[in-house]
Protein backbone atom coordinates (compact mmCIF):
# COMPACT_ATOMS: atom_id res chain seq x y z
CA MET A 1 -151.20 157.22 127.88
CA HIS A 2 -153.40 159.24 125.55
CA LYS A 3 -151.30 158.21 122.55
CA THR A 4 -151.50 154.57 123.67
CA LEU A 5 -155.31 154.71 123.85
CA LEU A 6 -155.45 156.33 120.43
CA ALA A 7 -153.23 153.59 119.01
CA LEU A 8 -155.35 150.85 120.59
CA SER A 9 -158.54 152.50 119.29
CA ALA A 10 -157.09 152.72 115.79
CA THR A 11 -156.00 149.08 115.92
CA LEU A 12 -159.42 147.95 117.13
CA GLY A 13 -161.12 150.01 114.43
CA LEU A 14 -158.93 148.45 111.79
CA LEU A 15 -159.66 144.96 113.13
CA LEU A 16 -163.41 145.55 113.13
CA ALA A 17 -163.29 146.98 109.62
CA THR A 18 -161.33 143.96 108.45
CA MET A 19 -163.80 141.59 110.08
CA GLY A 20 -166.72 143.48 108.60
CA SER A 21 -165.28 143.34 105.11
CA ALA A 22 -164.25 139.69 105.30
CA ALA A 23 -166.15 137.55 102.81
CA ALA A 24 -168.78 135.24 104.28
CA PHE A 25 -168.33 131.49 103.95
CA ASP A 26 -169.55 130.57 100.46
CA LEU A 27 -171.54 127.32 100.45
CA GLY A 28 -172.80 125.52 97.37
CA ILE A 29 -175.70 123.11 97.84
CA VAL A 30 -176.72 120.71 95.09
CA GLY A 31 -180.00 118.76 95.21
CA PHE A 32 -180.12 115.98 92.66
CA GLN A 33 -183.88 116.15 92.07
CA MET A 34 -185.61 119.03 93.83
CA SER A 35 -189.04 117.92 92.64
CA SER A 36 -188.59 115.15 95.21
CA GLU A 37 -189.73 116.34 98.62
CA THR A 38 -186.84 114.64 100.40
CA HIS A 39 -184.15 116.25 98.21
CA ALA A 40 -185.80 119.64 98.67
CA ARG A 41 -186.11 119.25 102.43
CA CYS A 42 -182.42 118.43 102.77
CA ALA A 43 -181.24 121.28 100.52
CA ASN A 44 -183.59 123.92 101.93
CA ALA A 45 -182.75 123.01 105.53
CA ALA A 46 -179.04 123.27 104.73
CA LYS A 47 -179.54 126.67 103.09
CA ALA A 48 -181.51 128.00 106.05
CA ALA A 49 -178.90 126.75 108.52
CA ALA A 50 -176.10 128.33 106.46
CA GLU A 51 -177.88 131.67 106.22
CA ASP A 52 -178.49 131.63 109.97
CA ARG A 53 -174.69 131.70 110.26
CA GLY A 54 -174.41 134.63 107.89
CA TRP A 55 -173.00 132.45 105.09
CA GLU A 56 -173.63 132.85 101.40
CA ALA A 57 -175.63 129.80 100.30
CA THR A 58 -176.70 128.83 96.79
CA ILE A 59 -178.94 125.88 95.88
CA LEU A 60 -178.58 124.21 92.49
CA ASN A 61 -181.13 121.70 91.16
CA SER A 62 -179.80 118.92 88.93
CA HIS A 63 -183.36 117.95 87.86
CA GLY A 64 -182.45 114.27 88.11
CA SER A 65 -179.82 114.57 85.36
CA LEU A 66 -176.39 113.11 86.06
CA PRO A 67 -174.63 115.26 83.39
CA THR A 68 -176.25 118.37 84.88
CA HIS A 69 -175.24 117.24 88.36
CA ALA A 70 -171.60 116.84 87.28
CA ARG A 71 -171.58 120.24 85.55
CA GLN A 72 -173.02 121.95 88.61
CA VAL A 73 -170.39 120.51 90.92
CA LYS A 74 -167.72 121.56 88.42
CA SER A 75 -169.14 125.09 88.29
CA LEU A 76 -169.00 125.38 92.08
CA ILE A 77 -165.35 124.33 92.01
CA GLN A 78 -164.63 126.94 89.34
CA LYS A 79 -166.45 129.51 91.46
CA GLN A 80 -164.07 128.58 94.28
CA VAL A 81 -166.74 128.10 96.91
CA ASP A 82 -165.56 127.27 100.43
CA GLY A 83 -167.70 124.17 100.82
CA ILE A 84 -170.20 121.95 99.01
CA ILE A 85 -173.14 119.95 100.37
CA LEU A 86 -174.61 117.31 98.08
CA CYS A 87 -178.15 116.04 98.71
CA MET A 88 -178.82 112.55 97.29
CA SER A 89 -175.81 112.72 94.99
CA LYS A 90 -174.07 110.08 92.85
CA PRO A 91 -170.48 110.13 94.17
CA VAL A 92 -169.27 107.16 92.12
CA GLN A 93 -170.48 108.68 88.86
CA ILE A 94 -169.03 112.13 89.62
CA SER A 95 -165.81 110.96 91.25
CA GLY A 96 -163.77 113.10 88.85
CA GLN A 97 -165.49 116.28 89.97
CA LEU A 98 -165.23 115.30 93.64
CA ALA A 99 -161.51 114.58 93.25
CA ALA A 100 -161.12 118.04 91.71
CA ALA A 101 -162.93 119.58 94.68
CA GLN A 102 -160.62 117.77 97.08
CA ASN A 103 -157.55 118.93 95.15
CA ALA A 104 -158.88 122.49 95.31
CA GLY A 105 -159.20 122.27 99.08
CA ILE A 106 -163.00 122.49 99.00
CA ALA A 107 -164.74 120.59 101.79
CA VAL A 108 -167.54 118.32 100.54
CA ILE A 109 -170.17 116.64 102.71
CA SER A 110 -172.91 114.51 101.17
CA VAL A 111 -176.30 113.43 102.47
CA MET A 112 -177.94 110.10 101.61
CA SER A 113 -175.52 109.59 98.74
CA GLY A 114 -173.08 106.85 99.70
CA GLY A 115 -169.45 107.09 100.67
CA SER A 116 -166.59 108.48 98.60
CA PRO A 117 -162.84 108.85 99.20
CA TYR A 118 -163.21 112.44 97.97
CA THR A 119 -165.83 113.61 100.50
CA LEU A 120 -165.46 114.18 104.24
CA PHE A 121 -168.33 111.78 104.95
CA ASP A 122 -171.91 110.94 104.03
CA ILE A 123 -174.81 111.60 106.41
CA GLU A 124 -177.15 108.61 106.31
CA ASP A 125 -179.81 106.73 108.10
CA ASN A 126 -179.13 103.00 108.38
CA GLU A 127 -181.01 101.90 105.26
CA TYR A 128 -180.77 98.24 106.23
CA ALA A 129 -182.52 98.97 109.51
CA ALA A 130 -185.10 101.21 107.81
CA GLY A 131 -185.78 98.55 105.18
CA ALA A 132 -186.26 95.90 107.82
CA GLU A 133 -188.58 98.12 109.83
CA SER A 134 -190.91 98.87 106.90
CA ALA A 135 -190.93 95.25 105.70
CA LEU A 136 -191.59 93.77 109.13
CA TYR A 137 -194.27 96.34 109.89
CA LEU A 138 -196.09 95.48 106.66
CA LEU A 139 -195.91 91.74 107.26
CA GLY A 140 -196.97 92.18 110.86
CA GLN A 141 -200.08 94.08 109.78
CA LEU A 142 -200.88 91.15 107.45
CA ASP A 143 -200.27 88.64 110.24
CA TYR A 144 -197.45 87.26 108.05
CA GLU A 145 -199.67 85.85 105.33
CA GLY A 146 -201.31 87.11 102.16
CA SER A 147 -200.26 88.87 98.96
CA ILE A 148 -198.65 92.22 98.28
CA LEU A 149 -197.71 94.59 95.47
CA THR A 150 -194.35 96.37 95.46
CA ALA A 151 -193.15 99.63 93.94
CA ARG A 152 -189.37 99.61 93.64
CA PHE A 153 -186.58 101.91 92.52
CA ASP A 154 -183.13 100.44 91.97
CA GLY A 155 -181.62 103.68 90.68
CA ASN A 156 -180.93 105.00 94.19
CA VAL A 157 -178.73 103.17 96.67
CA GLY A 158 -181.10 103.76 99.59
CA THR A 159 -184.27 102.55 97.90
CA ARG A 160 -182.34 99.66 96.36
CA ILE A 161 -181.17 98.51 99.79
CA ARG A 162 -184.72 98.75 101.14
CA GLY A 163 -185.91 96.48 98.34
CA LYS A 164 -183.16 93.95 98.96
CA VAL A 165 -183.96 93.84 102.67
CA LEU A 166 -187.64 93.33 101.81
CA ASP A 167 -186.62 90.34 99.68
CA VAL A 168 -184.65 88.85 102.57
CA VAL A 169 -187.64 89.27 104.91
CA LEU A 170 -189.96 87.70 102.34
CA SER A 171 -187.58 84.77 101.84
CA GLU A 172 -188.01 83.92 105.52
CA ASN A 173 -191.79 84.41 105.47
CA THR A 174 -193.01 82.38 102.53
CA ALA A 175 -196.70 82.71 103.40
CA VAL A 176 -196.53 86.21 101.92
CA ASP A 177 -196.41 86.40 98.11
CA VAL A 178 -195.55 89.26 95.78
CA VAL A 179 -198.25 89.13 93.11
CA GLY A 180 -197.04 92.18 91.20
CA SER A 181 -194.05 94.53 91.20
CA HIS A 182 -193.19 97.71 89.32
CA SER A 183 -189.63 99.01 89.03
CA MET A 184 -189.54 102.77 88.55
CA ALA A 185 -187.33 104.03 85.75
CA ARG A 186 -184.78 106.78 86.33
CA THR A 187 -186.64 109.60 84.62
CA ALA A 188 -187.64 113.20 85.18
CA SER A 189 -191.26 112.07 84.68
CA TRP A 190 -191.04 109.44 87.41
CA ARG A 191 -194.49 110.27 88.74
CA SER A 192 -196.12 109.33 85.44
CA ASP A 193 -194.00 106.19 85.33
CA VAL A 194 -195.15 105.10 88.80
CA ARG A 195 -198.77 105.97 88.13
CA LYS A 196 -198.89 104.02 84.89
CA GLY A 197 -197.06 100.98 86.24
CA MET A 198 -198.90 100.70 89.54
CA GLN A 199 -202.30 101.44 88.01
CA ALA A 200 -201.84 98.45 85.73
CA LEU A 201 -200.83 96.21 88.65
CA ILE A 202 -203.75 97.35 90.82
CA MET A 203 -206.23 96.68 88.01
CA GLN A 204 -204.71 93.30 87.14
CA ASN A 205 -204.71 92.14 90.75
CA GLU A 206 -207.96 93.64 91.98
CA GLY A 207 -209.07 91.81 95.14
CA LYS A 208 -205.90 89.70 95.17
CA PHE A 209 -203.61 91.76 97.43
CA GLN A 210 -203.82 92.90 101.03
CA GLY A 211 -200.73 95.11 101.20
CA VAL A 212 -198.54 97.45 99.17
CA TRP A 213 -194.85 98.18 99.80
CA ALA A 214 -193.36 101.35 98.29
CA SER A 215 -189.64 102.10 98.31
CA PHE A 216 -190.23 105.80 99.09
CA ASP A 217 -193.08 108.11 100.01
CA GLY A 218 -193.35 109.80 96.61
CA GLN A 219 -194.38 106.45 95.14
CA ALA A 220 -196.73 105.82 98.05
CA PHE A 221 -198.59 109.10 97.49
CA ILE A 222 -199.34 108.12 93.90
CA ILE A 223 -200.40 104.62 94.96
CA ASP A 224 -202.57 106.10 97.71
CA ASP A 225 -204.40 108.23 95.14
CA LEU A 226 -204.81 105.26 92.79
CA LEU A 227 -206.25 103.03 95.51
CA ARG A 228 -208.71 105.73 96.51
CA GLU A 229 -209.71 106.14 92.87
CA GLN A 230 -210.62 102.45 92.97
CA GLY A 231 -213.00 103.16 95.85
CA MET A 232 -210.81 101.73 98.60
CA HIS A 233 -210.71 103.06 102.14
CA LYS A 234 -208.12 103.12 104.90
CA GLY A 235 -207.79 99.61 106.26
CA ASP A 236 -208.79 97.82 103.05
CA VAL A 237 -205.10 97.28 102.31
CA VAL A 238 -201.92 98.16 104.19
CA LEU A 239 -199.74 100.73 102.43
CA VAL A 240 -196.24 101.21 103.85
CA SER A 241 -193.30 103.28 102.62
CA THR A 242 -190.20 105.12 103.80
CA ASP A 243 -189.01 108.76 104.02
CA GLY A 244 -191.41 110.70 106.23
CA GLY A 245 -192.37 114.35 106.00
CA PRO A 246 -195.39 116.64 106.34
CA GLU A 247 -197.34 115.11 103.44
CA ALA A 248 -196.78 111.55 104.64
CA PHE A 249 -197.80 112.46 108.18
CA ARG A 250 -200.89 114.26 106.91
CA ARG A 251 -201.95 111.23 104.93
CA ILE A 252 -201.36 108.82 107.82
CA GLN A 253 -203.57 111.05 109.97
CA ASP A 254 -206.21 111.48 107.23
CA PRO A 255 -209.03 108.91 107.60
CA GLY A 256 -209.59 109.10 103.83
CA SER A 257 -206.01 108.16 102.96
CA MET A 258 -204.72 104.64 102.45
CA LEU A 259 -201.20 105.34 103.74
CA THR A 260 -200.71 103.29 106.89
CA ALA A 261 -197.14 103.97 107.94
CA THR A 262 -193.79 105.38 106.89
CA VAL A 263 -190.28 105.05 108.25
CA ALA A 264 -189.38 108.71 108.77
CA ILE A 265 -185.82 109.70 107.84
CA PRO A 266 -184.80 113.09 109.32
CA PHE A 267 -183.87 114.81 106.03
CA ASP A 268 -184.24 118.32 107.44
CA ALA A 269 -182.03 117.47 110.42
CA MET A 270 -179.52 115.86 108.05
CA GLY A 271 -179.27 119.06 106.01
CA ARG A 272 -178.71 121.06 109.19
CA LYS A 273 -176.18 118.51 110.46
CA ALA A 274 -174.21 118.88 107.23
CA VAL A 275 -173.93 122.62 107.84
CA THR A 276 -172.93 122.32 111.50
CA SER A 277 -170.32 119.73 110.52
CA MET A 278 -169.06 121.96 107.71
CA ASP A 279 -168.78 124.81 110.21
CA ARG A 280 -166.79 122.73 112.68
CA ILE A 281 -164.38 121.39 110.05
CA ALA A 282 -164.01 124.09 107.40
CA VAL A 283 -164.47 127.16 109.59
CA GLN A 284 -163.43 126.21 113.11
CA GLY A 285 -160.70 123.86 111.97
CA GLU A 286 -161.77 120.76 113.88
CA SER A 287 -160.65 117.35 112.72
CA ARG A 288 -163.11 115.24 110.74
CA ASP A 289 -162.37 112.43 113.19
CA ALA A 290 -163.75 114.56 116.01
CA ILE A 291 -167.16 114.32 114.33
CA VAL A 292 -167.32 110.86 112.79
CA SER A 293 -165.33 107.66 112.61
CA GLY A 294 -165.56 106.12 109.17
CA PRO A 295 -167.27 107.25 105.96
CA TYR A 296 -170.80 107.54 107.37
CA LEU A 297 -172.48 109.64 110.03
CA TYR A 298 -175.69 107.85 110.94
CA MET A 299 -178.90 109.53 112.08
CA PRO A 300 -181.79 107.29 113.19
CA ALA A 301 -185.09 106.86 111.32
CA THR A 302 -188.42 106.36 113.14
CA LEU A 303 -191.47 104.33 112.15
CA VAL A 304 -194.56 106.56 112.12
CA ASP A 305 -198.13 105.25 112.04
CA ALA A 306 -201.47 106.21 113.58
CA ASN A 307 -200.11 105.54 117.08
CA ASN A 308 -197.46 108.28 117.04
CA VAL A 309 -198.14 110.48 114.02
CA ASP A 310 -199.47 113.31 116.18
CA GLU A 311 -195.98 113.75 117.59
CA PHE A 312 -194.68 114.55 114.09
CA ILE A 313 -197.41 116.95 112.98
CA GLU A 314 -196.23 120.55 113.32
CA GLN A 315 -198.44 122.48 115.68
């Protein structure tokens, strides 16, 4: 009996030592442009959720450069990480790297990036629904007549869809005209690009527009500042965008800000969802089909304006 207990104790000690020395799950997280609040929120939330599980988590910032993005994914494959989460990636353009990850047995989940045959799935909001919500809210505030300015960005699939949905809504509501539009270039200095382009439109169309549509909040913040520099006040024009986040909510609540509403996408929750899904599939061994059917896992967006912004402000 004594020998049996000693043997069991030794076996248990060996098991615990093995468990203690086992390497933690190694997760690579790549944010395409971490100067963008939304990219940073997704990546940072994923990192925090991974570290809460005791995982090793590394964030890489591609600084908006596709070649850098591809190299970073390749480096994670060479490092032999256990999993990769991509925030606002370009899966079509880096399909070679994603195929290599799949061949290496590395699980890849993307967020707000679009589908790929080489990733488990992409976590998205329904951009068509979000685009319709922002467009219809703007037109409703204008009583479906008047003139607007638009700030677009066709270099991202989500913002491009929002713009296309806006065009469909406008085609059915011809009493609203677009008197000026700026398309943001894909550049590391996108803020300067938006400021220069929208400043010109605001000056050229002074007194001729009642609303402004922005494809994402980062553009809206710049436009908000420009409108205030022109001496405008909340209510003078309707400014609507999409993304959501602390800064957007603060501005909606601020009586000095022009931002009227945003369609809030849960980027933080998406980052956390990517980690929980990675855990279930790559660690616990669950089937992908137990989590999602198809290439997209949808998480709902919510329109936030003065009526409900208090619910989104952190106490």
